[in-house]
Structures are given as structure tokens and as C-alpha cells.
Amino acid sequence: MSEPTTYVGGTLVEHLQWVEEEIDKAIAVSGVKDGWFKSFTDEEVEWTDDPRSRRKIFGSLLPRACGNGGVLVQNLVVRNLPEWAEIAERMRAAWEAEGWGVTDVSSVDLPSNPYFRADRDDGAVLALNASEKGMILSVESPCSSDPTMSVTVSDRGERDAYLQEMLERPYPQDDE
């Protein structure tokens, strides 16, 4: 892993909020509200507006090392989308419109499997890998040198308080 060239500020909670917002924006652009999930060893947890699902998905998210700082990486998957190519094109266009530098990760010889990433000057990265089997969305925060983003910090009280606040969010459920 190479040393990042940019470190940003921002606490672990601020980066968690940013990752959540970017996932919500990407899903909105995709037009596919249902079916996105995080895969764990023993289960798949669907990404929904239900605070309990988000709490479960973010409950295991901790910073990964990036030089002398920490970065958050979250991946979600959705399967079996007949319109996957159109969705990938919309995602690329949306990220370009927001000013991200979008580049292909896979060879242009594989147009049936769009895989591209969007980079920002601060080191944040969004990526989408799409095929007839499904799509993988990856959201990576910028590298932060804030002490709460350290991979060695054992006190995650601020993070845990944020996760608890997630559970207190209003969740409008349809009356059945």
C-alpha cells in the first residue's frame, strides 16, 4: 500500500456519516432502492432505511490503515439487475457531474463488465463493478489523521454513540 499524499481531518463519526451519505446518493442514482446488501461471514444484511439494518452494517466498520492515518471502506452488493449496464452509465455520469475524476479499472476490452472508479483530490474513492450477475459499490473515505480514525484506538465511545443514535432515527414504516 502506498503512502497517501493527502490527509484530511474529520473524526470517525464524520467519516461514517460521509460514507453513509455517499451510499445513499449512489443508490438513489442507481434507481434500485431494494436489494443492496452487505455480506458478512454468516449472513447478508440488506441496506434499507431501517436504522437497525444500517446499525448492523456500520457496527463492524472500523478504520483501515492508510499511512499514518485511517480510512473507512464500505462495500455493498446487489444481484440480478437486467438494466445493470444502464445503471453503470448513470453512476459514471453522476460522479463525473459531481466533479469526481472517473477512470476505468478494467480493460476497455471488457465493455460487458464496466468497472470504474471515481477519485477526488482529497483521496476519497467511489467504485462500481457491474455485470449481468450484479453490481458491487465501494465507498472509501479520504485518509484522516484524526486520532479517532487511528486503527489502534481502543476507545470507540464516540462511534458507539453514533451507532446508538442511528437506532433512534425515525423510520416510517408502511402500515400493513
C-alpha atoms as a PDB file:
ATOM      1  CA  MET A   1       0.000   0.000   0.000  1.00  0.00           C
ATOM      2  CA  SER A   2       1.407   3.370  -0.937  1.00  0.00           C
ATOM      3  CA  GLU A   3       1.558   6.362   1.378  1.00  0.00           C
ATOM      4  CA  PRO A   4      -1.344   8.759   0.840  1.00  0.00           C
ATOM      5  CA  THR A   5      -0.377  12.163  -0.454  1.00  0.00           C
ATOM      6  CA  THR A   6      -3.223  13.926   1.344  1.00  0.00           C
ATOM      7  CA  TYR A   7      -4.547  13.656   4.868  1.00  0.00           C
ATOM      8  CA  VAL A   8      -7.829  15.269   5.775  1.00  0.00           C
ATOM      9  CA  GLY A   9      -9.283  15.998   9.138  1.00  0.00           C
ATOM     10  CA  GLY A  10     -12.544  14.616  10.308  1.00  0.00           C
ATOM     11  CA  THR A  11     -13.461  12.305  13.104  1.00  0.00           C
ATOM     12  CA  LEU A  12     -14.525   8.710  12.748  1.00  0.00           C
ATOM     13  CA  VAL A  13     -18.157   9.770  13.138  1.00  0.00           C
ATOM     14  CA  GLU A  14     -17.823  12.426  10.418  1.00  0.00           C
ATOM     15  CA  HIS A  15     -16.363   9.822   8.089  1.00  0.00           C
ATOM     16  CA  LEU A  16     -19.116   7.325   8.949  1.00  0.00           C
ATOM     17  CA  GLN A  17     -21.697   9.996   8.099  1.00  0.00           C
ATOM     18  CA  TRP A  18     -19.950  10.760   4.811  1.00  0.00           C
ATOM     19  CA  VAL A  19     -19.809   7.082   3.810  1.00  0.00           C
ATOM     20  CA  GLU A  20     -23.497   6.662   4.623  1.00  0.00           C
ATOM     21  CA  GLU A  21     -24.419   9.767   2.600  1.00  0.00           C
ATOM     22  CA  GLU A  22     -22.380   8.620  -0.411  1.00  0.00           C
ATOM     23  CA  ILE A  23     -24.014   5.187  -0.337  1.00  0.00           C
ATOM     24  CA  ASP A  24     -27.468   6.784  -0.211  1.00  0.00           C
ATOM     25  CA  LYS A  25     -26.599   9.107  -3.110  1.00  0.00           C
ATOM     26  CA  ALA A  26     -25.263   6.254  -5.247  1.00  0.00           C
ATOM     27  CA  ILE A  27     -28.302   4.087  -4.569  1.00  0.00           C
ATOM     28  CA  ALA A  28     -30.594   6.995  -5.451  1.00  0.00           C
ATOM     29  CA  VAL A  29     -28.752   7.453  -8.765  1.00  0.00           C
ATOM     30  CA  SER A  30     -28.998   3.723  -9.454  1.00  0.00           C
ATOM     31  CA  GLY A  31     -32.772   3.831  -9.143  1.00  0.00           C
ATOM     32  CA  VAL A  32     -32.607   0.460  -7.370  1.00  0.00           C
ATOM     33  CA  LYS A  33     -33.746   1.046  -3.806  1.00  0.00           C
ATOM     34  CA  ASP A  34     -34.123  -2.576  -2.740  1.00  0.00           C
ATOM     35  CA  GLY A  35     -31.706  -5.472  -2.840  1.00  0.00           C
ATOM     36  CA  TRP A  36     -28.420  -3.815  -1.836  1.00  0.00           C
ATOM     37  CA  PHE A  37     -26.709  -5.745   0.933  1.00  0.00           C
ATOM     38  CA  LYS A  38     -23.535  -6.160   2.967  1.00  0.00           C
ATOM     39  CA  SER A  39     -22.220  -9.689   3.100  1.00  0.00           C
ATOM     40  CA  PHE A  40     -20.884 -10.981   6.384  1.00  0.00           C
ATOM     41  CA  THR A  41     -19.448 -14.427   7.042  1.00  0.00           C
ATOM     42  CA  ASP A  42     -22.739 -15.901   8.215  1.00  0.00           C
ATOM     43  CA  GLU A  43     -25.377 -13.575   6.751  1.00  0.00           C
ATOM     44  CA  GLU A  44     -26.334 -10.864   4.310  1.00  0.00           C
ATOM     45  CA  VAL A  45     -27.760  -7.655   5.767  1.00  0.00           C
ATOM     46  CA  GLU A  46     -29.877  -5.569   3.418  1.00  0.00           C
ATOM     47  CA  TRP A  47     -29.221  -1.823   3.192  1.00  0.00           C
ATOM     48  CA  THR A  48     -32.563  -0.199   3.955  1.00  0.00           C
ATOM     49  CA  ASP A  49     -33.892   2.934   5.635  1.00  0.00           C
ATOM     50  CA  ASP A  50     -34.437   0.819   8.749  1.00  0.00           C
ATOM     51  CA  PRO A  51     -31.935   2.110  11.330  1.00  0.00           C
ATOM     52  CA  ARG A  52     -31.407  -1.451  12.592  1.00  0.00           C
ATOM     53  CA  SER A  53     -30.011  -2.617   9.245  1.00  0.00           C
ATOM     54  CA  ARG A  54     -27.696   0.367   8.992  1.00  0.00           C
ATOM     55  CA  ARG A  55     -26.575  -0.094  12.586  1.00  0.00           C
ATOM     56  CA  LYS A  56     -25.716  -3.723  11.835  1.00  0.00           C
ATOM     57  CA  ILE A  57     -23.811  -2.825   8.649  1.00  0.00           C
ATOM     58  CA  PHE A  58     -21.863   0.029  10.257  1.00  0.00           C
ATOM     59  CA  GLY A  59     -21.383  -1.795  13.551  1.00  0.00           C
ATOM     60  CA  SER A  60     -18.334  -3.618  12.214  1.00  0.00           C
ATOM     61  CA  LEU A  61     -16.874  -0.716  10.221  1.00  0.00           C
ATOM     62  CA  LEU A  62     -13.571   0.449  11.671  1.00  0.00           C
ATOM     63  CA  PRO A  63     -10.702   2.399  10.110  1.00  0.00           C
ATOM     64  CA  ARG A  64      -8.137   0.624   7.993  1.00  0.00           C
ATOM     65  CA  ALA A  65      -4.562   1.840   7.913  1.00  0.00           C
ATOM     66  CA  CYS A  66      -3.549   4.432   5.324  1.00  0.00           C
ATOM     67  CA  GLY A  67      -0.066   5.633   6.069  1.00  0.00           C
ATOM     68  CA  ASN A  68      -0.212   7.385   9.440  1.00  0.00           C
ATOM     69  CA  GLY A  69      -3.987   7.677   9.386  1.00  0.00           C
ATOM     70  CA  GLY A  70      -7.170   5.732   8.893  1.00  0.00           C
ATOM     71  CA  VAL A  71      -9.661   5.219   6.088  1.00  0.00           C
ATOM     72  CA  LEU A  72     -13.161   3.713   6.020  1.00  0.00           C
ATOM     73  CA  VAL A  73     -14.151   1.310   3.240  1.00  0.00           C
ATOM     74  CA  GLN A  74     -17.689   0.002   2.794  1.00  0.00           C
ATOM     75  CA  ASN A  75     -18.871  -2.323   0.019  1.00  0.00           C
ATOM     76  CA  LEU A  76     -22.444  -3.177  -0.915  1.00  0.00           C
ATOM     77  CA  VAL A  77     -23.698  -5.679  -3.469  1.00  0.00           C
ATOM     78  CA  VAL A  78     -26.904  -6.020  -5.472  1.00  0.00           C
ATOM     79  CA  ARG A  79     -27.677  -9.042  -7.654  1.00  0.00           C
ATOM     80  CA  ASN A  80     -29.525  -9.811 -10.873  1.00  0.00           C
ATOM     81  CA  LEU A  81     -30.274  -6.433 -12.393  1.00  0.00           C
ATOM     82  CA  PRO A  82     -31.373  -6.694 -16.021  1.00  0.00           C
ATOM     83  CA  GLU A  83     -30.575  -2.987 -16.545  1.00  0.00           C
ATOM     84  CA  TRP A  84     -27.103  -3.145 -14.942  1.00  0.00           C
ATOM     85  CA  ALA A  85     -25.333  -1.528 -17.930  1.00  0.00           C
ATOM     86  CA  GLU A  86     -27.657   1.490 -17.923  1.00  0.00           C
ATOM     87  CA  ILE A  87     -27.270   1.842 -14.165  1.00  0.00           C
ATOM     88  CA  ALA A  88     -23.480   1.800 -14.510  1.00  0.00           C
ATOM     89  CA  GLU A  89     -23.669   4.539 -17.156  1.00  0.00           C
ATOM     90  CA  ARG A  90     -25.881   6.672 -14.868  1.00  0.00           C
ATOM     91  CA  MET A  91     -23.487   6.214 -11.949  1.00  0.00           C
ATOM     92  CA  ARG A  92     -20.486   7.218 -14.066  1.00  0.00           C
ATOM     93  CA  ALA A  93     -22.295  10.287 -15.409  1.00  0.00           C
ATOM     94  CA  ALA A  94     -23.436  11.343 -11.918  1.00  0.00           C
ATOM     95  CA  TRP A  95     -19.954  11.035 -10.451  1.00  0.00           C
ATOM     96  CA  GLU A  96     -18.443  12.965 -13.369  1.00  0.00           C
ATOM     97  CA  ALA A  97     -21.108  15.671 -12.940  1.00  0.00           C
ATOM     98  CA  GLU A  98     -20.129  15.994  -9.267  1.00  0.00           C
ATOM     99  CA  GLY A  99     -16.517  16.625 -10.293  1.00  0.00           C
ATOM    100  CA  TRP A 100     -15.016  13.226  -9.461  1.00  0.00           C
ATOM    101  CA  GLY A 101     -12.212  12.016 -11.744  1.00  0.00           C
ATOM    102  CA  VAL A 102     -13.655   8.832 -13.235  1.00  0.00           C
ATOM    103  CA  THR A 103     -11.346   6.219 -14.782  1.00  0.00           C
ATOM    104  CA  ASP A 104     -11.768   2.646 -15.947  1.00  0.00           C
ATOM    105  CA  VAL A 105     -10.292  -0.027 -13.711  1.00  0.00           C
ATOM    106  CA  SER A 106     -10.831  -2.923 -16.089  1.00  0.00           C
ATOM    107  CA  SER A 107      -9.595  -3.097 -19.622  1.00  0.00           C
ATOM    108  CA  VAL A 108     -11.633  -1.402 -22.322  1.00  0.00           C
ATOM    109  CA  ASP A 109     -11.583  -4.834 -23.967  1.00  0.00           C
ATOM    110  CA  LEU A 110     -14.242  -5.850 -21.430  1.00  0.00           C
ATOM    111  CA  PRO A 111     -17.140  -3.487 -22.198  1.00  0.00           C
ATOM    112  CA  SER A 112     -19.571  -6.132 -20.930  1.00  0.00           C
ATOM    113  CA  ASN A 113     -18.166  -5.664 -17.430  1.00  0.00           C
ATOM    114  CA  PRO A 114     -17.873  -1.962 -16.576  1.00  0.00           C
ATOM    115  CA  TYR A 115     -15.568  -1.463 -13.638  1.00  0.00           C
ATOM    116  CA  PHE A 116     -14.606   2.119 -12.885  1.00  0.00           C
ATOM    117  CA  ARG A 117     -13.553   4.279 -10.007  1.00  0.00           C
ATOM    118  CA  ALA A 118     -14.096   7.911  -9.154  1.00  0.00           C
ATOM    119  CA  ASP A 119     -11.336   9.762  -7.319  1.00  0.00           C
ATOM    120  CA  ARG A 120     -11.388  13.085  -5.542  1.00  0.00           C
ATOM    121  CA  ASP A 121      -8.404  15.315  -4.751  1.00  0.00           C
ATOM    122  CA  ASP A 122      -8.700  14.548  -1.032  1.00  0.00           C
ATOM    123  CA  GLY A 123      -8.213  10.814  -1.652  1.00  0.00           C
ATOM    124  CA  ALA A 124     -11.841   9.681  -1.430  1.00  0.00           C
ATOM    125  CA  VAL A 125     -12.742   6.905  -3.869  1.00  0.00           C
ATOM    126  CA  LEU A 126     -16.029   5.563  -5.192  1.00  0.00           C
ATOM    127  CA  ALA A 127     -16.038   2.436  -7.367  1.00  0.00           C
ATOM    128  CA  LEU A 128     -18.585   0.377  -9.265  1.00  0.00           C
ATOM    129  CA  ASN A 129     -18.099  -3.074 -10.749  1.00  0.00           C
ATOM    130  CA  ALA A 130     -21.097  -4.164 -12.828  1.00  0.00           C
ATOM    131  CA  SER A 131     -22.036  -7.283 -14.751  1.00  0.00           C
ATOM    132  CA  GLU A 132     -25.060  -9.428 -15.522  1.00  0.00           C
ATOM    133  CA  LYS A 133     -24.531 -11.141 -12.139  1.00  0.00           C
ATOM    134  CA  GLY A 134     -24.875  -7.879 -10.188  1.00  0.00           C
ATOM    135  CA  MET A 135     -23.000  -4.829  -9.015  1.00  0.00           C
ATOM    136  CA  ILE A 136     -20.524  -4.015  -6.276  1.00  0.00           C
ATOM    137  CA  LEU A 137     -20.470  -0.455  -4.950  1.00  0.00           C
ATOM    138  CA  SER A 138     -17.432   0.578  -2.942  1.00  0.00           C
ATOM    139  CA  VAL A 139     -17.140   3.795  -0.932  1.00  0.00           C
ATOM    140  CA  GLU A 140     -13.777   4.762   0.554  1.00  0.00           C
ATOM    141  CA  SER A 141     -13.371   7.838   2.706  1.00  0.00           C
ATOM    142  CA  PRO A 142     -10.340  10.093   2.485  1.00  0.00           C
ATOM    143  CA  CYS A 143      -7.416   9.200   4.719  1.00  0.00           C
ATOM    144  CA  SER A 144      -7.762  11.017   8.026  1.00  0.00           C
ATOM    145  CA  SER A 145      -5.076  11.723  10.569  1.00  0.00           C
ATOM    146  CA  ASP A 146      -7.657  12.489  13.263  1.00  0.00           C
ATOM    147  CA  PRO A 147      -6.914  10.420  16.391  1.00  0.00           C
ATOM    148  CA  THR A 148     -10.373   8.783  16.277  1.00  0.00           C
ATOM    149  CA  MET A 149      -9.504   7.377  12.815  1.00  0.00           C
ATOM    150  CA  SER A 150      -6.450   5.534  14.103  1.00  0.00           C
ATOM    151  CA  VAL A 151      -6.538   1.764  13.714  1.00  0.00           C
ATOM    152  CA  THR A 152      -5.026   1.402  17.187  1.00  0.00           C
ATOM    153  CA  VAL A 153      -7.532   3.458  19.179  1.00  0.00           C
ATOM    154  CA  SER A 154      -9.389   1.180  21.553  1.00  0.00           C
ATOM    155  CA  ASP A 155     -11.939   3.726  22.843  1.00  0.00           C
ATOM    156  CA  ARG A 156     -14.739   3.805  20.293  1.00  0.00           C
ATOM    157  CA  GLY A 157     -17.214   5.605  22.546  1.00  0.00           C
ATOM    158  CA  GLU A 158     -17.934   8.360  20.018  1.00  0.00           C
ATOM    159  CA  ARG A 159     -18.547   5.768  17.289  1.00  0.00           C
ATOM    160  CA  ASP A 160     -20.744   3.654  19.528  1.00  0.00           C
ATOM    161  CA  ALA A 161     -22.812   6.722  20.491  1.00  0.00           C
ATOM    162  CA  TYR A 162     -23.315   7.467  16.785  1.00  0.00           C
ATOM    163  CA  LEU A 163     -24.406   3.885  16.141  1.00  0.00           C
ATOM    164  CA  GLN A 164     -26.865   4.148  19.027  1.00  0.00           C
ATOM    165  CA  GLU A 165     -28.212   7.411  17.571  1.00  0.00           C
ATOM    166  CA  MET A 166     -28.812   5.524  14.300  1.00  0.00           C
ATOM    167  CA  LEU A 167     -31.280   3.321  16.141  1.00  0.00           C
ATOM    168  CA  GLU A 168     -33.175   6.379  17.344  1.00  0.00           C
ATOM    169  CA  ARG A 169     -33.800   7.743  13.844  1.00  0.00           C
ATOM    170  CA  PRO A 170     -37.408   7.923  12.707  1.00  0.00           C
ATOM    171  CA  TYR A 171     -38.274   5.003  10.487  1.00  0.00           C
ATOM    172  CA  PRO A 172     -41.565   5.451   8.677  1.00  0.00           C
ATOM    173  CA  GLN A 173     -42.955   2.006   8.049  1.00  0.00           C
ATOM    174  CA  ASP A 174     -45.809   1.204   5.730  1.00  0.00           C
ATOM    175  CA  ASP A 175     -48.972   0.166   7.545  1.00  0.00           C
ATOM    176  CA  GLU A 176     -49.690  -3.404   6.584  1.00  0.00           C
END
